[in-house]
Amino acid sequence: MTRSSVGFVIFLVVMIGALYGLSRLNQQLNRTEDLPPPTQQEVTVAQESHPEGHQHEGHEYEGHKHEGSEHAEHSAGSESVAVSFPGPQGQQWGSPDAKVKIEAVAPPSDCQLPTLRMLQAIAKADPKRIRVEIYNMGSQAGRQVSSKYGKFCAAVYINGKTQFTLTSNGETRQVICEKSPGMSYQPTDLIEIVHQELKKAYGRGFEDATLKKLREEGRRIMTGSAPTGGEMVSPEAKVTVEVLTPMQQAPIYNLFASVIQRLERLKEKHGKDLSVVVIALSTYEGQKRMQALNLNGPAVVINGKTVHEIPGPNNTKRRIITAYGQSPRLFTPEEVVQVVEAYLKQPAKKK
């Protein structure tokens, strides 16, 4: 057999093999197309196991792993009961006949917990006039709510709307209750929005005592702190401390929680000479205060400052910075206490 004949035979064998391979591939594709579509139950289980949009949007601090994706409770000092993520049928509170209806759709993410806690507190504050429904956005019920409003991200619909105008302290701002809290709304904004909607629907909002209690609860939800968070600055205080806290999901949150605990003990000791105010940095009030102080993140502001010089050993001076990100070395709760005590020892300024 000549070389050309051998080459032709080899070429023919290769072509036959290629055609056979393509034929098998086509059979596999056709078999896949013939498979029945997944049932609704299978889709729901898959989406609940791997929900879309679970990533934390706008998260300021990275590197923190969340614990307990199914269930979470308040930190010490909060009176709210534990909050769990809604199951396939969702969670409902309040009268179905209420004129103010809130429908929340959220993924089972820890960053949504402040919103869920706030909505539960709102529902329990006035259950006859407020209806709250919370759905997992990966569930069939959650998808139905999202489809009804034409949105497919986490959102809080209050009487069918997510966009509102709020006015406080003479300032007007737009609030959009979508995606993760801290982006275009804060969980505490929901109190003021529902207060407005109650006025529209019933001619009156929350009772004064109820509104005050909700706002205090909102501070606790945002800071995870004891009632110190609601304290007003005393004009008689010799030292005023403002703790601008990060969200509870931030890796440095435990540091600020420890600072608050130490300050509470100091408050018991020094009484009216010391004022302690806890402000969640994620709130409008916290953002405004951060800008006024030219800060870039969480901080412990003592008498209006984050850079302090206090007496050290052998007539030296110690420099302590109580703001996150302003020094290579992070301050400690003990150093905050030392700064406060040093200021308390200083002679009172004449007014």
Protein backbone atom coordinates (compact mmCIF):
# COMPACT_ATOMS: atom_id res chain seq x y z
CA MET A 1 0.00 0.00 0.00
CA THR A 2 1.38 3.41 -0.94
CA ARG A 3 1.95 6.19 1.59
CA SER A 4 -0.91 8.24 0.10
CA SER A 5 -3.29 5.30 0.58
CA VAL A 6 -2.24 4.88 4.20
CA GLY A 7 -2.72 8.59 4.84
CA PHE A 8 -6.18 8.47 3.29
CA VAL A 9 -7.20 5.53 5.50
CA ILE A 10 -6.00 7.32 8.65
CA PHE A 11 -7.88 10.47 7.62
CA LEU A 12 -11.04 8.42 6.99
CA VAL A 13 -10.82 6.75 10.44
CA VAL A 14 -10.37 10.12 12.18
CA MET A 15 -13.37 11.60 10.36
CA ILE A 16 -15.58 8.62 11.26
CA GLY A 17 -14.53 8.95 14.92
CA ALA A 18 -15.30 12.68 14.93
CA LEU A 19 -18.73 12.14 13.39
CA TYR A 20 -19.51 9.45 15.96
CA GLY A 21 -18.48 11.76 18.80
CA LEU A 22 -20.70 14.57 17.50
CA SER A 23 -23.60 12.15 17.19
CA ARG A 24 -23.22 11.04 20.84
CA LEU A 25 -23.00 14.65 22.02
CA ASN A 26 -26.18 15.52 20.15
CA GLN A 27 -27.98 12.58 21.77
CA GLN A 28 -26.93 13.79 25.23
CA LEU A 29 -28.17 17.31 24.52
CA ASN A 30 -31.50 16.04 23.27
CA ARG A 31 -31.86 13.84 26.36
CA THR A 32 -31.25 16.88 28.59
CA GLU A 33 -33.88 18.89 26.73
CA ASP A 34 -36.38 16.06 27.22
CA LEU A 35 -35.98 16.11 31.00
CA PRO A 36 -39.08 17.47 32.80
CA PRO A 37 -38.72 20.93 34.36
CA PRO A 38 -38.01 21.03 38.13
CA THR A 39 -41.04 21.15 40.38
CA GLN A 40 -41.89 24.32 42.30
CA GLN A 41 -40.91 22.52 45.52
CA GLU A 42 -37.47 21.68 44.10
CA VAL A 43 -36.97 25.30 42.99
CA THR A 44 -38.00 26.61 46.40
CA VAL A 45 -35.68 24.24 48.24
CA ALA A 46 -32.76 25.13 45.97
CA GLN A 47 -33.32 28.87 46.31
CA GLU A 48 -33.75 28.68 50.06
CA SER A 49 -30.53 26.68 50.35
CA HIS A 50 -28.58 29.12 48.14
CA PRO A 51 -30.50 32.43 48.13
CA GLU A 52 -29.49 35.03 45.60
CA GLY A 53 -28.50 38.42 46.80
CA HIS A 54 -27.16 37.06 50.08
CA GLN A 55 -23.98 39.09 49.88
CA HIS A 56 -23.80 42.09 52.14
CA GLU A 57 -24.19 45.22 50.08
CA GLY A 58 -22.35 48.29 51.19
CA HIS A 59 -20.63 46.53 54.06
CA GLU A 60 -17.98 48.80 55.52
CA TYR A 61 -15.86 46.23 57.32
CA GLU A 62 -14.67 42.96 55.83
CA GLY A 63 -13.27 39.75 57.19
CA HIS A 64 -16.05 39.00 59.69
CA LYS A 65 -17.78 35.63 59.59
CA HIS A 66 -21.36 35.57 60.81
CA GLU A 67 -22.46 33.00 63.30
CA GLY A 68 -25.96 31.57 63.44
CA SER A 69 -27.61 32.29 60.11
CA GLU A 70 -30.92 30.83 61.24
CA HIS A 71 -31.53 32.54 64.54
CA ALA A 72 -30.25 35.55 66.46
CA GLU A 73 -31.00 37.38 69.69
CA HIS A 74 -30.45 40.85 71.05
CA SER A 75 -27.38 41.71 73.05
CA ALA A 76 -27.72 42.35 76.77
CA GLY A 77 -29.93 45.27 77.64
CA SER A 78 -32.58 44.78 74.97
CA GLU A 79 -36.08 43.72 75.91
CA SER A 80 -37.03 42.31 72.51
CA VAL A 81 -37.55 38.60 72.09
CA ALA A 82 -35.38 36.52 69.78
CA VAL A 83 -35.89 37.02 66.06
CA SER A 84 -35.69 34.14 63.58
CA PHE A 85 -35.63 34.34 59.80
CA PRO A 86 -39.01 33.62 58.23
CA GLY A 87 -39.79 30.16 56.90
CA PRO A 88 -41.54 29.32 53.60
CA GLN A 89 -44.84 30.84 54.77
CA GLY A 90 -43.30 33.99 56.22
CA GLN A 91 -44.07 35.67 59.55
CA GLN A 92 -47.08 37.86 60.27
CA TRP A 93 -48.07 40.17 63.12
CA GLY A 94 -51.02 42.49 63.63
CA SER A 95 -54.57 42.65 62.36
CA PRO A 96 -55.24 41.71 58.71
CA ASP A 97 -57.70 44.63 58.68
CA ALA A 98 -55.07 47.23 59.66
CA LYS A 99 -54.85 50.25 57.37
CA VAL A 100 -51.07 50.36 57.57
CA LYS A 101 -49.63 47.25 55.94
CA ILE A 102 -45.93 46.44 55.83
CA GLU A 103 -44.56 43.70 53.59
CA ALA A 104 -40.85 42.99 53.93
CA VAL A 105 -38.89 40.69 51.65
CA ALA A 106 -35.35 39.88 52.76
CA PRO A 107 -32.68 37.19 52.36
CA PRO A 108 -31.63 35.17 55.43
CA SER A 109 -28.65 37.44 56.05
CA ASP A 110 -27.43 38.82 59.39
CA CYS A 111 -27.29 42.33 57.94
CA GLN A 112 -31.11 42.23 57.68
CA LEU A 113 -31.62 41.39 61.37
CA PRO A 114 -31.89 45.02 62.58
CA THR A 115 -34.70 45.58 60.07
CA LEU A 116 -36.54 42.41 61.15
CA ARG A 117 -36.23 43.35 64.83
CA MET A 118 -37.43 46.87 64.16
CA LEU A 119 -40.45 45.67 62.20
CA GLN A 120 -41.39 43.23 64.95
CA ALA A 121 -41.18 46.00 67.55
CA ILE A 122 -43.35 48.27 65.37
CA ALA A 123 -45.95 45.55 64.86
CA LYS A 124 -46.23 44.82 68.57
CA ALA A 125 -46.46 48.52 69.42
CA ASP A 126 -49.83 48.94 67.68
CA PRO A 127 -51.14 45.58 66.36
CA LYS A 128 -54.70 46.79 65.72
CA ARG A 129 -53.59 49.49 63.27
CA ILE A 130 -50.42 47.93 61.84
CA ARG A 131 -50.01 44.68 59.91
CA VAL A 132 -46.45 43.39 59.36
CA GLU A 133 -45.58 40.49 57.05
CA ILE A 134 -41.98 39.31 56.55
CA TYR A 135 -40.97 36.87 53.81
CA ASN A 136 -37.79 35.09 52.79
CA MET A 137 -36.98 36.43 49.33
CA GLY A 138 -35.98 32.92 48.22
CA SER A 139 -39.38 31.44 49.10
CA GLN A 140 -42.37 31.25 46.78
CA ALA A 141 -44.31 33.68 48.98
CA GLY A 142 -41.40 36.14 48.93
CA ARG A 143 -41.09 35.94 45.16
CA GLN A 144 -44.80 36.60 44.80
CA VAL A 145 -44.55 39.80 46.85
CA SER A 146 -41.50 40.95 44.87
CA SER A 147 -43.24 40.17 41.59
CA LYS A 148 -46.33 42.09 42.70
CA TYR A 149 -44.29 45.27 43.11
CA GLY A 150 -41.92 44.65 40.21
CA LYS A 151 -38.78 44.61 42.37
CA PHE A 152 -36.47 41.68 42.99
CA CYS A 153 -34.16 42.93 45.72
CA ALA A 154 -34.63 43.06 49.48
CA ALA A 155 -37.24 45.71 50.27
CA VAL A 156 -39.74 46.95 52.85
CA TYR A 157 -43.07 47.92 51.29
CA ILE A 158 -45.17 50.21 53.49
CA ASN A 159 -48.65 50.49 52.02
CA GLY A 160 -47.11 49.42 48.72
CA LYS A 161 -44.31 52.02 48.69
CA THR A 162 -40.59 51.96 49.37
CA GLN A 163 -39.77 55.66 48.85
CA PHE A 164 -40.60 58.28 51.46
CA THR A 165 -39.70 61.81 52.52
CA LEU A 166 -38.74 62.37 56.16
CA THR A 167 -38.23 65.68 57.91
CA SER A 168 -36.35 65.96 61.19
CA ASN A 169 -34.64 68.89 62.89
CA GLY A 170 -35.62 71.13 59.99
CA GLU A 171 -33.93 68.89 57.40
CA THR A 172 -35.73 66.93 54.69
CA ARG A 173 -34.31 63.78 53.16
CA GLN A 174 -35.39 60.99 50.85
CA VAL A 175 -35.49 57.44 52.17
CA ILE A 176 -35.65 54.33 49.98
CA CYS A 177 -36.40 51.14 51.92
CA GLU A 178 -34.60 48.77 49.58
CA LYS A 179 -31.53 46.50 49.66
CA SER A 180 -29.49 46.29 52.86
CA PRO A 181 -30.11 48.68 55.77
CA GLY A 182 -27.42 51.31 55.94
CA MET A 183 -27.48 51.98 52.21
CA SER A 184 -30.54 54.10 51.39
CA TYR A 185 -32.41 53.70 54.69
CA GLN A 186 -31.87 52.84 58.35
CA PRO A 187 -34.05 50.46 60.37
CA THR A 188 -34.92 53.35 62.71
CA ASP A 189 -36.34 55.27 59.71
CA LEU A 190 -39.16 52.72 59.65
CA ILE A 191 -40.50 54.12 62.94
CA GLU A 192 -40.87 57.61 61.51
CA ILE A 193 -42.34 56.36 58.22
CA VAL A 194 -44.99 54.26 59.98
CA HIS A 195 -45.72 57.20 62.30
CA GLN A 196 -46.47 59.29 59.19
CA GLU A 197 -48.56 56.58 57.57
CA LEU A 198 -50.65 56.15 60.72
CA LYS A 199 -51.43 59.87 60.64
CA LYS A 200 -52.56 59.59 57.02
CA ALA A 201 -54.68 56.50 57.61
CA TYR A 202 -56.12 57.20 61.07
CA GLY A 203 -55.56 60.90 61.68
CA ARG A 204 -53.05 60.25 64.46
CA GLY A 205 -49.67 58.55 64.72
CA PHE A 206 -48.17 56.60 67.58
CA GLU A 207 -48.98 57.73 71.10
CA ASP A 208 -46.17 59.86 72.54
CA ALA A 209 -45.15 57.20 75.06
CA THR A 210 -45.21 54.49 72.38
CA LEU A 211 -43.13 56.61 69.99
CA LYS A 212 -40.56 57.33 72.69
CA LYS A 213 -40.31 53.65 73.57
CA LEU A 214 -39.92 52.65 69.92
CA ARG A 215 -37.14 55.18 69.38
CA GLU A 216 -35.31 53.87 72.45
CA GLU A 217 -35.77 50.33 71.19
CA GLY A 218 -34.44 51.44 67.81
CA ARG A 219 -31.28 52.75 69.45
CA ARG A 220 -30.80 49.45 71.27
CA ILE A 221 -31.36 47.47 68.09
CA MET A 222 -28.80 49.53 66.20
CA THR A 223 -26.16 49.54 68.91
CA GLY A 224 -26.87 46.31 70.80
CA SER A 225 -26.42 48.35 73.96
CA ALA A 226 -28.22 48.75 77.25
CA PRO A 227 -30.51 51.77 77.83
CA THR A 228 -27.45 54.04 78.05
CA GLY A 229 -27.98 54.59 74.34
CA GLY A 230 -31.04 56.71 75.04
CA GLU A 231 -29.43 59.03 77.58
CA MET A 232 -29.41 62.75 76.85
CA VAL A 233 -26.31 64.84 77.39
CA SER A 234 -26.48 66.45 80.82
CA PRO A 235 -25.54 70.15 80.97
CA GLU A 236 -24.04 69.46 84.41
CA ALA A 237 -21.69 66.75 83.12
CA LYS A 238 -18.00 67.37 83.49
CA VAL A 239 -17.17 64.74 80.88
CA THR A 240 -19.34 63.78 77.90
CA VAL A 241 -18.69 60.59 75.97
CA GLU A 242 -20.27 59.83 72.60
CA VAL A 243 -19.80 56.26 71.43
CA LEU A 244 -20.30 56.08 67.67
CA THR A 245 -20.74 52.35 67.16
CA PRO A 246 -20.40 50.18 64.04
CA MET A 247 -23.03 47.70 62.93
CA GLN A 248 -23.17 44.49 64.97
CA GLN A 249 -21.76 42.54 62.02
CA ALA A 250 -18.50 44.54 62.03
CA PRO A 251 -15.41 42.71 63.35
CA ILE A 252 -14.66 45.57 65.76
CA TYR A 253 -18.17 45.63 67.23
CA ASN A 254 -17.14 43.65 70.32
CA LEU A 255 -14.55 46.30 71.17
CA PHE A 256 -17.22 49.00 71.26
CA ALA A 257 -19.61 46.77 73.22
CA SER A 258 -16.90 46.33 75.85
CA VAL A 259 -16.28 50.09 75.92
CA ILE A 260 -19.98 50.70 76.56
CA GLN A 261 -20.01 48.22 79.45
CA ARG A 262 -17.00 49.90 81.05
CA LEU A 263 -18.55 53.33 80.61
CA GLU A 264 -21.79 52.17 82.23
CA ARG A 265 -19.85 51.16 85.34
CA LEU A 266 -18.11 54.54 85.36
CA LYS A 267 -21.49 56.24 85.04
CA GLU A 268 -22.74 54.43 88.15
CA LYS A 269 -19.67 55.64 90.01
CA HIS A 270 -19.60 59.28 88.90
CA GLY A 271 -23.29 60.03 88.37
CA LYS A 272 -24.14 63.41 86.86
CA ASP A 273 -20.48 64.27 86.31
CA LEU A 274 -20.41 61.83 83.40
CA SER A 275 -22.75 61.65 80.40
CA VAL A 276 -22.61 58.68 78.05
CA VAL A 277 -24.45 58.67 74.73
CA VAL A 278 -24.42 55.72 72.32
CA ILE A 279 -25.16 56.51 68.67
CA ALA A 280 -25.19 53.89 65.92
CA LEU A 281 -22.97 55.11 63.13
CA SER A 282 -25.33 53.60 60.57
CA THR A 283 -28.16 55.93 61.60
CA TYR A 284 -28.78 59.36 60.13
CA GLU A 285 -27.90 60.90 63.48
CA GLY A 286 -24.64 58.93 63.57
CA GLN A 287 -23.66 59.86 60.01
CA LYS A 288 -24.35 63.53 60.72
CA ARG A 289 -22.24 63.43 63.89
CA MET A 290 -19.41 61.64 62.09
CA GLN A 291 -19.31 64.35 59.43
CA ALA A 292 -19.40 67.12 62.01
CA LEU A 293 -16.39 65.59 63.79
CA ASN A 294 -14.58 64.83 60.50
CA LEU A 295 -14.34 61.12 61.32
CA ASN A 296 -13.94 58.21 58.93
CA GLY A 297 -15.47 55.47 61.07
CA PRO A 298 -16.49 54.32 64.55
CA ALA A 299 -15.08 56.27 67.46
CA VAL A 300 -15.33 57.11 71.13
CA VAL A 301 -15.59 60.89 71.30
CA ILE A 302 -14.64 62.25 74.72
CA ASN A 303 -15.38 65.93 75.35
CA GLY A 304 -15.59 66.43 71.60
CA LYS A 305 -12.19 64.87 70.84
CA THR A 306 -10.70 61.57 69.72
CA VAL A 307 -7.04 62.53 70.28
CA HIS A 308 -6.14 62.83 73.95
CA GLU A 309 -3.07 63.55 76.05
CA ILE A 310 -3.19 62.33 79.62
CA PRO A 311 -0.54 62.12 82.35
CA GLY A 312 1.83 59.18 82.06
CA PRO A 313 4.47 57.73 84.39
CA ASN A 314 7.42 59.90 85.55
CA ASN A 315 5.75 63.18 84.54
CA THR A 316 5.37 62.09 80.92
CA LYS A 317 2.42 62.51 78.58
CA ARG A 318 0.49 59.64 77.01
CA ARG A 319 -1.21 60.11 73.65
CA ILE A 320 -4.33 57.99 73.13
CA ILE A 321 -6.45 58.02 69.97
CA THR A 322 -9.99 56.72 70.43
CA ALA A 323 -11.07 56.58 66.78
CA TYR A 324 -10.93 53.53 64.56
CA GLY A 325 -8.59 53.97 61.60
CA GLN A 326 -6.79 57.08 62.87
CA SER A 327 -3.90 55.17 64.41
CA PRO A 328 -2.01 51.97 63.49
CA ARG A 329 -2.73 50.74 67.00
CA LEU A 330 -6.31 50.18 68.12
CA PHE A 331 -7.32 51.63 71.47
CA THR A 332 -8.57 49.42 74.31
CA PRO A 333 -11.56 49.76 76.68
CA GLU A 334 -9.10 50.30 79.53
CA GLU A 335 -7.54 53.24 77.72
CA VAL A 336 -10.97 54.83 77.22
CA VAL A 337 -11.56 54.52 80.97
CA GLN A 338 -8.16 56.08 81.68
CA VAL A 339 -8.92 59.06 79.43
CA VAL A 340 -12.34 59.62 81.03
CA GLU A 341 -10.93 59.40 84.55
CA ALA A 342 -8.12 61.81 83.65
CA TYR A 343 -10.66 64.36 82.42
CA LEU A 344 -12.82 63.86 85.51
CA LYS A 345 -9.80 64.75 87.68
CA GLN A 346 -9.22 68.01 85.87
CA PRO A 347 -10.58 71.19 87.51
CA ALA A 348 -14.04 72.13 86.30
CA LYS A 349 -14.10 74.93 83.77
CA LYS A 350 -15.78 78.12 84.86
CA LYS A 351 -18.92 78.89 82.92
